[in-house]
């Protein structure tokens, strides 16, 4: 037994515990750079700024959650507030040179991020930030890194930027839905044995996958890209088929997360390989 005594405040994690969010940020940035065909100092500076502001946002949401608790934890709230100030200061300082180079477009990205942050605050107040709505919002918001990287590299803000955002958001919303399906399958007491039961259990996700694939196709059309780029979604589609067939034997969630991250990297490489089909 532990000796009795005053309880210690929970440790404040500098980096988010949800490691999948890193893929949602880094993969879109890599795709934006790959499609633009450039990774130089400005694009790396954008990544450093985006990571810093992402961490500031994460700790800001932690601080808000702590403030909304019935029993406050002043020490944890103070630690979260300090981290918000540190990462926000670093992110803003790194953004200044970028703003001197690409002012109008980056201000637009900042405005969109501000709106998404307001939605995040509403989800925190409703205790939905760690539920499916919050996870979908994270996928949509972090996908902004892709058009931002393309814009910093090329200095052009148009249909291609919107197409990159929609394409990345479609993939990562799929990833969120797939992991959610696996979590719900593991939580069931009665195993799913027949193919009909598995399809019935997964039909919501499968319908959303079809809608996301259609959205990806529309994004490709918007960006004047060949529909052949949809081949980048084949590994993800294969994972859905195999994962649905194995719902009676749900894999450990850590393994599911690793597989989804690996598929996101493969997906990025395929999209970048098809970059020659993007209009200039």
C-alpha atoms as a PDB file:
ATOM      1  CA  UNK A   1       0.000   0.000   0.000  1.00  0.00           C
ATOM      2  CA  UNK A   2       1.070   3.568  -0.654  1.00  0.00           C
ATOM      3  CA  UNK A   3       1.716   5.728   2.386  1.00  0.00           C
ATOM      4  CA  UNK A   4      -1.064   8.149   3.188  1.00  0.00           C
ATOM      5  CA  UNK A   5      -0.547  11.821   2.559  1.00  0.00           C
ATOM      6  CA  UNK A   6      -1.633  14.714   0.386  1.00  0.00           C
ATOM      7  CA  UNK A   7      -2.434  13.696  -3.157  1.00  0.00           C
ATOM      8  CA  UNK A   8      -0.206  15.042  -5.882  1.00  0.00           C
ATOM      9  CA  UNK A   9      -1.722  16.855  -8.846  1.00  0.00           C
ATOM     10  CA  UNK A  10      -1.793  14.874 -12.077  1.00  0.00           C
ATOM     11  CA  UNK A  11       1.203  15.373 -14.302  1.00  0.00           C
ATOM     12  CA  UNK A  12       0.694  17.753 -17.204  1.00  0.00           C
ATOM     13  CA  UNK A  13       1.625  16.094 -20.491  1.00  0.00           C
ATOM     14  CA  UNK A  14       3.503  18.503 -22.731  1.00  0.00           C
ATOM     15  CA  UNK A  15       2.702  16.381 -25.801  1.00  0.00           C
ATOM     16  CA  UNK A  16      -0.835  15.084 -26.440  1.00  0.00           C
ATOM     17  CA  UNK A  17      -1.480  11.503 -25.402  1.00  0.00           C
ATOM     18  CA  UNK A  18      -3.608  10.962 -28.533  1.00  0.00           C
ATOM     19  CA  UNK A  19      -0.727  10.129 -30.859  1.00  0.00           C
ATOM     20  CA  UNK A  20      -3.011   9.758 -33.878  1.00  0.00           C
ATOM     21  CA  UNK A  21      -3.438  13.526 -33.938  1.00  0.00           C
ATOM     22  CA  UNK A  22       0.208  13.847 -34.950  1.00  0.00           C
ATOM     23  CA  UNK A  23      -0.508  11.921 -38.151  1.00  0.00           C
ATOM     24  CA  UNK A  24      -3.478  14.241 -38.784  1.00  0.00           C
ATOM     25  CA  UNK A  25      -1.100  17.206 -38.671  1.00  0.00           C
ATOM     26  CA  UNK A  26       2.140  15.894 -40.189  1.00  0.00           C
ATOM     27  CA  UNK A  27       0.711  13.844 -43.076  1.00  0.00           C
ATOM     28  CA  UNK A  28      -1.368  16.716 -44.547  1.00  0.00           C
ATOM     29  CA  UNK A  29       1.638  19.040 -44.279  1.00  0.00           C
ATOM     30  CA  UNK A  30       3.795  16.468 -46.107  1.00  0.00           C
ATOM     31  CA  UNK A  31       1.141  16.098 -48.816  1.00  0.00           C
ATOM     32  CA  UNK A  32       0.929  19.868 -49.289  1.00  0.00           C
ATOM     33  CA  UNK A  33       4.708  20.068 -49.681  1.00  0.00           C
ATOM     34  CA  UNK A  34       4.828  16.986 -51.900  1.00  0.00           C
ATOM     35  CA  UNK A  35       2.098  18.208 -54.222  1.00  0.00           C
ATOM     36  CA  UNK A  36       3.830  21.592 -54.474  1.00  0.00           C
ATOM     37  CA  UNK A  37       7.137  19.784 -55.106  1.00  0.00           C
ATOM     38  CA  UNK A  38       9.038  21.764 -52.510  1.00  0.00           C
ATOM     39  CA  UNK A  39      10.298  21.402 -48.921  1.00  0.00           C
ATOM     40  CA  UNK A  40      12.501  24.359 -48.056  1.00  0.00           C
ATOM     41  CA  UNK A  41      13.032  26.675 -45.106  1.00  0.00           C
ATOM     42  CA  UNK A  42       9.642  28.395 -45.414  1.00  0.00           C
ATOM     43  CA  UNK A  43       7.702  25.138 -45.383  1.00  0.00           C
ATOM     44  CA  UNK A  44       9.692  23.855 -42.386  1.00  0.00           C
ATOM     45  CA  UNK A  45       9.048  27.157 -40.612  1.00  0.00           C
ATOM     46  CA  UNK A  46       5.330  26.680 -41.290  1.00  0.00           C
ATOM     47  CA  UNK A  47       5.483  23.205 -39.755  1.00  0.00           C
ATOM     48  CA  UNK A  48       7.271  24.487 -36.648  1.00  0.00           C
ATOM     49  CA  UNK A  49       4.696  27.259 -36.258  1.00  0.00           C
ATOM     50  CA  UNK A  50       1.784  24.875 -36.826  1.00  0.00           C
ATOM     51  CA  UNK A  51       3.106  22.386 -34.246  1.00  0.00           C
ATOM     52  CA  UNK A  52       3.578  25.150 -31.667  1.00  0.00           C
ATOM     53  CA  UNK A  53       0.091  26.571 -32.211  1.00  0.00           C
ATOM     54  CA  UNK A  54      -1.372  23.050 -32.176  1.00  0.00           C
ATOM     55  CA  UNK A  55       0.218  22.425 -28.776  1.00  0.00           C
ATOM     56  CA  UNK A  56      -1.014  25.816 -27.538  1.00  0.00           C
ATOM     57  CA  UNK A  57      -4.540  24.883 -28.665  1.00  0.00           C
ATOM     58  CA  UNK A  58      -4.289  21.477 -26.978  1.00  0.00           C
ATOM     59  CA  UNK A  59      -3.263  22.938 -23.629  1.00  0.00           C
ATOM     60  CA  UNK A  60      -5.830  25.716 -23.932  1.00  0.00           C
ATOM     61  CA  UNK A  61      -8.552  23.080 -24.257  1.00  0.00           C
ATOM     62  CA  UNK A  62      -7.078  21.254 -21.247  1.00  0.00           C
ATOM     63  CA  UNK A  63      -7.189  24.484 -19.257  1.00  0.00           C
ATOM     64  CA  UNK A  64     -10.840  25.058 -20.252  1.00  0.00           C
ATOM     65  CA  UNK A  65     -11.777  21.508 -19.214  1.00  0.00           C
ATOM     66  CA  UNK A  66     -10.106  22.005 -15.837  1.00  0.00           C
ATOM     67  CA  UNK A  67     -11.945  25.283 -15.336  1.00  0.00           C
ATOM     68  CA  UNK A  68     -15.279  23.594 -16.073  1.00  0.00           C
ATOM     69  CA  UNK A  69     -14.753  20.809 -13.538  1.00  0.00           C
ATOM     70  CA  UNK A  70     -16.923  20.823 -10.441  1.00  0.00           C
ATOM     71  CA  UNK A  71     -13.789  20.280  -8.335  1.00  0.00           C
ATOM     72  CA  UNK A  72     -11.053  22.534  -9.615  1.00  0.00           C
ATOM     73  CA  UNK A  73      -7.363  21.622  -9.702  1.00  0.00           C
ATOM     74  CA  UNK A  74      -5.487  24.948  -9.450  1.00  0.00           C
ATOM     75  CA  UNK A  75      -2.035  23.394  -9.887  1.00  0.00           C
ATOM     76  CA  UNK A  76      -2.979  21.547 -13.097  1.00  0.00           C
ATOM     77  CA  UNK A  77      -4.814  24.600 -14.439  1.00  0.00           C
ATOM     78  CA  UNK A  78      -1.776  26.810 -13.769  1.00  0.00           C
ATOM     79  CA  UNK A  79       0.527  24.322 -15.519  1.00  0.00           C
ATOM     80  CA  UNK A  80      -1.779  24.177 -18.539  1.00  0.00           C
ATOM     81  CA  UNK A  81      -1.981  27.978 -18.660  1.00  0.00           C
ATOM     82  CA  UNK A  82       1.810  28.281 -18.636  1.00  0.00           C
ATOM     83  CA  UNK A  83       2.110  25.824 -21.515  1.00  0.00           C
ATOM     84  CA  UNK A  84      -0.528  27.744 -23.488  1.00  0.00           C
ATOM     85  CA  UNK A  85       1.431  30.979 -23.100  1.00  0.00           C
ATOM     86  CA  UNK A  86       4.768  29.366 -23.992  1.00  0.00           C
ATOM     87  CA  UNK A  87       3.595  27.537 -27.110  1.00  0.00           C
ATOM     88  CA  UNK A  88       1.411  30.423 -28.279  1.00  0.00           C
ATOM     89  CA  UNK A  89       4.350  32.818 -27.986  1.00  0.00           C
ATOM     90  CA  UNK A  90       6.604  30.458 -29.935  1.00  0.00           C
ATOM     91  CA  UNK A  91       3.946  29.852 -32.589  1.00  0.00           C
ATOM     92  CA  UNK A  92       3.265  33.566 -33.082  1.00  0.00           C
ATOM     93  CA  UNK A  93       6.983  34.391 -33.215  1.00  0.00           C
ATOM     94  CA  UNK A  94       7.534  31.725 -35.873  1.00  0.00           C
ATOM     95  CA  UNK A  95       4.520  32.978 -37.830  1.00  0.00           C
ATOM     96  CA  UNK A  96       5.786  36.556 -38.174  1.00  0.00           C
ATOM     97  CA  UNK A  97       8.295  35.839 -40.990  1.00  0.00           C
ATOM     98  CA  UNK A  98       5.651  33.750 -42.769  1.00  0.00           C
ATOM     99  CA  UNK A  99       3.138  36.603 -42.556  1.00  0.00           C
ATOM    100  CA  UNK A 100       5.611  38.988 -44.165  1.00  0.00           C
ATOM    101  CA  UNK A 101       5.786  36.564 -47.092  1.00  0.00           C
ATOM    102  CA  UNK A 102       2.192  35.279 -47.410  1.00  0.00           C
ATOM    103  CA  UNK A 103       0.018  37.669 -45.408  1.00  0.00           C
ATOM    104  CA  UNK A 104      -3.477  37.471 -46.919  1.00  0.00           C
ATOM    105  CA  UNK A 105      -3.734  33.704 -47.303  1.00  0.00           C
ATOM    106  CA  UNK A 106      -2.303  32.901 -43.875  1.00  0.00           C
ATOM    107  CA  UNK A 107      -4.701  35.368 -42.250  1.00  0.00           C
ATOM    108  CA  UNK A 108      -7.509  33.499 -43.995  1.00  0.00           C
ATOM    109  CA  UNK A 109      -6.236  30.171 -42.660  1.00  0.00           C
ATOM    110  CA  UNK A 110      -6.004  31.746 -39.221  1.00  0.00           C
ATOM    111  CA  UNK A 111      -9.613  32.926 -39.429  1.00  0.00           C
ATOM    112  CA  UNK A 112     -10.803  29.425 -40.347  1.00  0.00           C
ATOM    113  CA  UNK A 113      -8.752  27.965 -37.493  1.00  0.00           C
ATOM    114  CA  UNK A 114     -10.339  30.521 -35.158  1.00  0.00           C
ATOM    115  CA  UNK A 115     -13.828  29.407 -36.149  1.00  0.00           C
ATOM    116  CA  UNK A 116     -12.890  25.756 -35.603  1.00  0.00           C
ATOM    117  CA  UNK A 117     -11.436  26.653 -32.191  1.00  0.00           C
ATOM    118  CA  UNK A 118     -14.749  28.267 -31.245  1.00  0.00           C
ATOM    119  CA  UNK A 119     -16.525  25.047 -32.225  1.00  0.00           C
ATOM    120  CA  UNK A 120     -13.997  23.095 -30.121  1.00  0.00           C
ATOM    121  CA  UNK A 121     -14.843  25.239 -27.104  1.00  0.00           C
ATOM    122  CA  UNK A 122     -18.538  24.521 -27.599  1.00  0.00           C
ATOM    123  CA  UNK A 123     -17.803  20.781 -27.786  1.00  0.00           C
ATOM    124  CA  UNK A 124     -15.757  20.995 -24.578  1.00  0.00           C
ATOM    125  CA  UNK A 125     -18.685  22.714 -22.838  1.00  0.00           C
ATOM    126  CA  UNK A 126     -20.979  19.910 -24.055  1.00  0.00           C
ATOM    127  CA  UNK A 127     -18.402  17.241 -23.097  1.00  0.00           C
ATOM    128  CA  UNK A 128     -18.254  16.033 -26.689  1.00  0.00           C
ATOM    129  CA  UNK A 129     -14.635  16.952 -27.404  1.00  0.00           C
ATOM    130  CA  UNK A 130     -13.367  13.387 -26.838  1.00  0.00           C
ATOM    131  CA  UNK A 131     -16.412  11.827 -28.497  1.00  0.00           C
ATOM    132  CA  UNK A 132     -16.938  11.352 -32.235  1.00  0.00           C
ATOM    133  CA  UNK A 133     -17.821  15.029 -32.974  1.00  0.00           C
ATOM    134  CA  UNK A 134     -14.583  16.234 -31.403  1.00  0.00           C
ATOM    135  CA  UNK A 135     -12.501  13.641 -33.237  1.00  0.00           C
ATOM    136  CA  UNK A 136     -14.100  14.531 -36.588  1.00  0.00           C
ATOM    137  CA  UNK A 137     -13.483  18.223 -35.912  1.00  0.00           C
ATOM    138  CA  UNK A 138      -9.812  17.469 -35.186  1.00  0.00           C
ATOM    139  CA  UNK A 139      -9.492  15.610 -38.499  1.00  0.00           C
ATOM    140  CA  UNK A 140     -11.051  18.508 -40.396  1.00  0.00           C
ATOM    141  CA  UNK A 141      -9.082  21.198 -38.579  1.00  0.00           C
ATOM    142  CA  UNK A 142      -5.633  19.604 -38.703  1.00  0.00           C
ATOM    143  CA  UNK A 143      -6.088  18.893 -42.423  1.00  0.00           C
ATOM    144  CA  UNK A 144      -5.671  22.648 -42.967  1.00  0.00           C
ATOM    145  CA  UNK A 145      -1.918  21.968 -42.809  1.00  0.00           C
ATOM    146  CA  UNK A 146      -2.065  20.606 -46.356  1.00  0.00           C
ATOM    147  CA  UNK A 147      -3.439  23.655 -48.209  1.00  0.00           C
ATOM    148  CA  UNK A 148      -1.361  25.910 -45.948  1.00  0.00           C
ATOM    149  CA  UNK A 149       1.865  24.134 -46.967  1.00  0.00           C
ATOM    150  CA  UNK A 150       0.895  24.281 -50.640  1.00  0.00           C
ATOM    151  CA  UNK A 151       0.087  27.975 -50.320  1.00  0.00           C
ATOM    152  CA  UNK A 152       3.352  28.839 -48.555  1.00  0.00           C
ATOM    153  CA  UNK A 153       5.286  26.938 -51.232  1.00  0.00           C
ATOM    154  CA  UNK A 154       3.494  28.354 -54.300  1.00  0.00           C
ATOM    155  CA  UNK A 155       1.883  31.594 -53.139  1.00  0.00           C
ATOM    156  CA  UNK A 156      -1.368  30.665 -54.879  1.00  0.00           C
ATOM    157  CA  UNK A 157      -4.641  30.337 -52.989  1.00  0.00           C
ATOM    158  CA  UNK A 158      -7.511  28.895 -54.987  1.00  0.00           C
ATOM    159  CA  UNK A 159      -9.440  25.752 -55.828  1.00  0.00           C
ATOM    160  CA  UNK A 160      -6.426  23.542 -55.329  1.00  0.00           C
ATOM    161  CA  UNK A 161      -6.082  24.624 -51.695  1.00  0.00           C
ATOM    162  CA  UNK A 162      -9.731  23.800 -51.025  1.00  0.00           C
ATOM    163  CA  UNK A 163      -9.347  20.468 -52.832  1.00  0.00           C
ATOM    164  CA  UNK A 164      -6.334  19.548 -50.681  1.00  0.00           C
ATOM    165  CA  UNK A 165      -8.246  20.372 -47.515  1.00  0.00           C
ATOM    166  CA  UNK A 166     -11.267  18.303 -48.519  1.00  0.00           C
ATOM    167  CA  UNK A 167      -9.134  15.381 -49.680  1.00  0.00           C
ATOM    168  CA  UNK A 168      -7.170  15.194 -46.434  1.00  0.00           C
ATOM    169  CA  UNK A 169     -10.268  15.700 -44.310  1.00  0.00           C
ATOM    170  CA  UNK A 170     -12.035  12.853 -46.135  1.00  0.00           C
ATOM    171  CA  UNK A 171      -9.187  10.449 -45.403  1.00  0.00           C
ATOM    172  CA  UNK A 172      -8.759  11.324 -41.744  1.00  0.00           C
ATOM    173  CA  UNK A 173     -12.481  11.351 -41.020  1.00  0.00           C
ATOM    174  CA  UNK A 174     -12.464   7.827 -42.480  1.00  0.00           C
ATOM    175  CA  UNK A 175      -9.634   6.925 -40.073  1.00  0.00           C
ATOM    176  CA  UNK A 176     -11.623   8.293 -37.121  1.00  0.00           C
ATOM    177  CA  UNK A 177     -14.717   6.315 -38.118  1.00  0.00           C
ATOM    178  CA  UNK A 178     -12.729   3.108 -38.600  1.00  0.00           C
ATOM    179  CA  UNK A 179     -11.052   3.299 -35.198  1.00  0.00           C
ATOM    180  CA  UNK A 180     -14.422   4.123 -33.657  1.00  0.00           C
ATOM    181  CA  UNK A 181     -15.925   1.013 -35.231  1.00  0.00           C
ATOM    182  CA  UNK A 182     -13.184  -1.140 -33.723  1.00  0.00           C
ATOM    183  CA  UNK A 183     -13.687   0.420 -30.288  1.00  0.00           C
ATOM    184  CA  UNK A 184     -17.421  -0.268 -30.402  1.00  0.00           C
ATOM    185  CA  UNK A 185     -16.840  -3.835 -31.605  1.00  0.00           C
ATOM    186  CA  UNK A 186     -14.525  -4.509 -28.659  1.00  0.00           C
ATOM    187  CA  UNK A 187     -17.103  -3.090 -26.252  1.00  0.00           C
ATOM    188  CA  UNK A 188     -19.795  -5.567 -27.347  1.00  0.00           C
ATOM    189  CA  UNK A 189     -20.542  -8.450 -25.022  1.00  0.00           C
ATOM    190  CA  UNK A 190     -22.003 -10.699 -27.706  1.00  0.00           C
ATOM    191  CA  UNK A 191     -19.541 -11.464 -30.550  1.00  0.00           C
ATOM    192  CA  UNK A 192     -20.478 -10.749 -34.144  1.00  0.00           C
ATOM    193  CA  UNK A 193     -20.393 -14.143 -35.815  1.00  0.00           C
ATOM    194  CA  UNK A 194     -22.261 -14.050 -39.132  1.00  0.00           C
ATOM    195  CA  UNK A 195     -21.474 -11.889 -42.145  1.00  0.00           C
ATOM    196  CA  UNK A 196     -24.955 -10.355 -41.932  1.00  0.00           C
ATOM    197  CA  UNK A 197     -24.365  -9.283 -38.317  1.00  0.00           C
ATOM    198  CA  UNK A 198     -21.015  -7.746 -39.187  1.00  0.00           C
ATOM    199  CA  UNK A 199     -22.439  -5.806 -42.136  1.00  0.00           C
ATOM    200  CA  UNK A 200     -25.379  -4.609 -40.061  1.00  0.00           C
ATOM    201  CA  UNK A 201     -23.012  -3.465 -37.297  1.00  0.00           C
ATOM    202  CA  UNK A 202     -20.733  -1.639 -39.756  1.00  0.00           C
ATOM    203  CA  UNK A 203     -23.406  -0.261 -42.090  1.00  0.00           C
ATOM    204  CA  UNK A 204     -23.235   3.254 -40.633  1.00  0.00           C
ATOM    205  CA  UNK A 205     -19.485   3.455 -41.161  1.00  0.00           C
ATOM    206  CA  UNK A 206     -19.747   1.906 -44.622  1.00  0.00           C
ATOM    207  CA  UNK A 207     -22.353   4.491 -45.637  1.00  0.00           C
ATOM    208  CA  UNK A 208     -20.138   7.282 -44.335  1.00  0.00           C
ATOM    209  CA  UNK A 209     -17.161   5.790 -46.196  1.00  0.00           C
ATOM    210  CA  UNK A 210     -19.135   5.904 -49.445  1.00  0.00           C
ATOM    211  CA  UNK A 211     -20.022   9.545 -48.769  1.00  0.00           C
ATOM    212  CA  UNK A 212     -16.391  10.389 -47.983  1.00  0.00           C
ATOM    213  CA  UNK A 213     -15.230   8.703 -51.186  1.00  0.00           C
ATOM    214  CA  UNK A 214     -17.746  10.774 -53.134  1.00  0.00           C
ATOM    215  CA  UNK A 215     -16.477  13.868 -51.332  1.00  0.00           C
ATOM    216  CA  UNK A 216     -12.910  12.959 -52.282  1.00  0.00           C
ATOM    217  CA  UNK A 217     -13.972  12.582 -55.918  1.00  0.00           C
ATOM    218  CA  UNK A 218     -15.622  16.018 -55.830  1.00  0.00           C
ATOM    219  CA  UNK A 219     -12.436  17.433 -54.288  1.00  0.00           C
ATOM    220  CA  UNK A 220     -10.372  15.984 -57.114  1.00  0.00           C
ATOM    221  CA  UNK A 221     -12.740  17.489 -59.671  1.00  0.00           C
ATOM    222  CA  UNK A 222     -12.586  20.816 -57.861  1.00  0.00           C
ATOM    223  CA  UNK A 223      -8.802  20.801 -58.047  1.00  0.00           C
ATOM    224  CA  UNK A 224      -8.811  19.665 -61.699  1.00  0.00           C
ATOM    225  CA  UNK A 225      -7.220  16.335 -60.817  1.00  0.00           C
ATOM    226  CA  UNK A 226      -7.743  13.018 -62.558  1.00  0.00           C
ATOM    227  CA  UNK A 227     -10.137  10.673 -60.758  1.00  0.00           C
ATOM    228  CA  UNK A 228      -7.333   8.077 -60.945  1.00  0.00           C
ATOM    229  CA  UNK A 229      -6.044   9.721 -57.765  1.00  0.00           C
ATOM    230  CA  UNK A 230      -8.801   7.818 -55.963  1.00  0.00           C
ATOM    231  CA  UNK A 231      -6.458   4.821 -56.175  1.00  0.00           C
ATOM    232  CA  UNK A 232      -4.739   6.367 -53.151  1.00  0.00           C
ATOM    233  CA  UNK A 233      -7.769   5.249 -51.112  1.00  0.00           C
ATOM    234  CA  UNK A 234      -7.454   1.585 -52.114  1.00  0.00           C
ATOM    235  CA  UNK A 235      -5.334   0.533 -49.082  1.00  0.00           C
ATOM    236  CA  UNK A 236      -7.840   2.201 -46.746  1.00  0.00           C
ATOM    237  CA  UNK A 237     -10.741   0.505 -48.516  1.00  0.00           C
ATOM    238  CA  UNK A 238      -8.982  -2.855 -48.202  1.00  0.00           C
ATOM    239  CA  UNK A 239      -8.505  -2.239 -44.492  1.00  0.00           C
ATOM    240  CA  UNK A 240     -12.236  -1.560 -44.128  1.00  0.00           C
ATOM    241  CA  UNK A 241     -13.108  -4.825 -45.885  1.00  0.00           C
ATOM    242  CA  UNK A 242     -10.683  -6.885 -43.788  1.00  0.00           C
ATOM    243  CA  UNK A 243     -11.579  -5.060 -40.592  1.00  0.00           C
ATOM    244  CA  UNK A 244     -15.304  -5.606 -41.123  1.00  0.00           C
ATOM    245  CA  UNK A 245     -14.743  -9.297 -41.850  1.00  0.00           C
ATOM    246  CA  UNK A 246     -12.775  -9.632 -38.598  1.00  0.00           C
ATOM    247  CA  UNK A 247     -15.197  -7.829 -36.301  1.00  0.00           C
ATOM    248  CA  UNK A 248     -15.649 -11.094 -34.432  1.00  0.00           C
ATOM    249  CA  UNK A 249     -11.923 -10.960 -33.550  1.00  0.00           C
ATOM    250  CA  UNK A 250     -11.259  -7.302 -32.751  1.00  0.00           C
ATOM    251  CA  UNK A 251      -7.556  -6.490 -32.716  1.00  0.00           C
ATOM    252  CA  UNK A 252      -5.921  -4.613 -29.822  1.00  0.00           C
ATOM    253  CA  UNK A 253      -6.570  -0.907 -30.237  1.00  0.00           C
ATOM    254  CA  UNK A 254      -2.830  -0.148 -30.232  1.00  0.00           C
ATOM    255  CA  UNK A 255      -2.415  -2.392 -33.274  1.00  0.00           C
ATOM    256  CA  UNK A 256      -5.400  -0.731 -34.960  1.00  0.00           C
ATOM    257  CA  UNK A 257      -3.820   2.682 -34.373  1.00  0.00           C
ATOM    258  CA  UNK A 258      -0.496   1.553 -35.814  1.00  0.00           C
ATOM    259  CA  UNK A 259      -2.189   0.138 -38.911  1.00  0.00           C
ATOM    260  CA  UNK A 260      -4.202   3.309 -39.488  1.00  0.00           C
ATOM    261  CA  UNK A 261      -1.060   5.435 -39.098  1.00  0.00           C
ATOM    262  CA  UNK A 262       0.817   3.188 -41.551  1.00  0.00           C
ATOM    263  CA  UNK A 263      -2.035   3.498 -44.035  1.00  0.00           C
ATOM    264  CA  UNK A 264      -2.012   7.283 -43.656  1.00  0.00           C
ATOM    265  CA  UNK A 265       1.686   7.310 -44.603  1.00  0.00           C
ATOM    266  CA  UNK A 266       1.054   5.007 -47.554  1.00  0.00           C
ATOM    267  CA  UNK A 267      -1.885   7.180 -48.594  1.00  0.00           C
ATOM    268  CA  UNK A 268       0.305  10.287 -48.465  1.00  0.00           C
ATOM    269  CA  UNK A 269       2.968   8.654 -50.642  1.00  0.00           C
ATOM    270  CA  UNK A 270       0.347   7.656 -53.210  1.00  0.00           C
ATOM    271  CA  UNK A 271      -1.155  11.153 -53.303  1.00  0.00           C
ATOM    272  CA  UNK A 272       2.280  12.732 -53.677  1.00  0.00           C
ATOM    273  CA  UNK A 273       3.150  10.219 -56.411  1.00  0.00           C
ATOM    274  CA  UNK A 274       0.054  11.380 -58.262  1.00  0.00           C
ATOM    275  CA  UNK A 275       1.054  15.012 -57.742  1.00  0.00           C
ATOM    276  CA  UNK A 276       1.954  15.421 -61.406  1.00  0.00           C
ATOM    277  CA  UNK A 277      -1.738  15.314 -62.216  1.00  0.00           C
ATOM    278  CA  UNK A 278      -2.481  18.394 -60.105  1.00  0.00           C
ATOM    279  CA  UNK A 279      -3.022  21.548 -62.095  1.00  0.00           C
ATOM    280  CA  UNK A 280      -0.476  24.294 -61.694  1.00  0.00           C
END
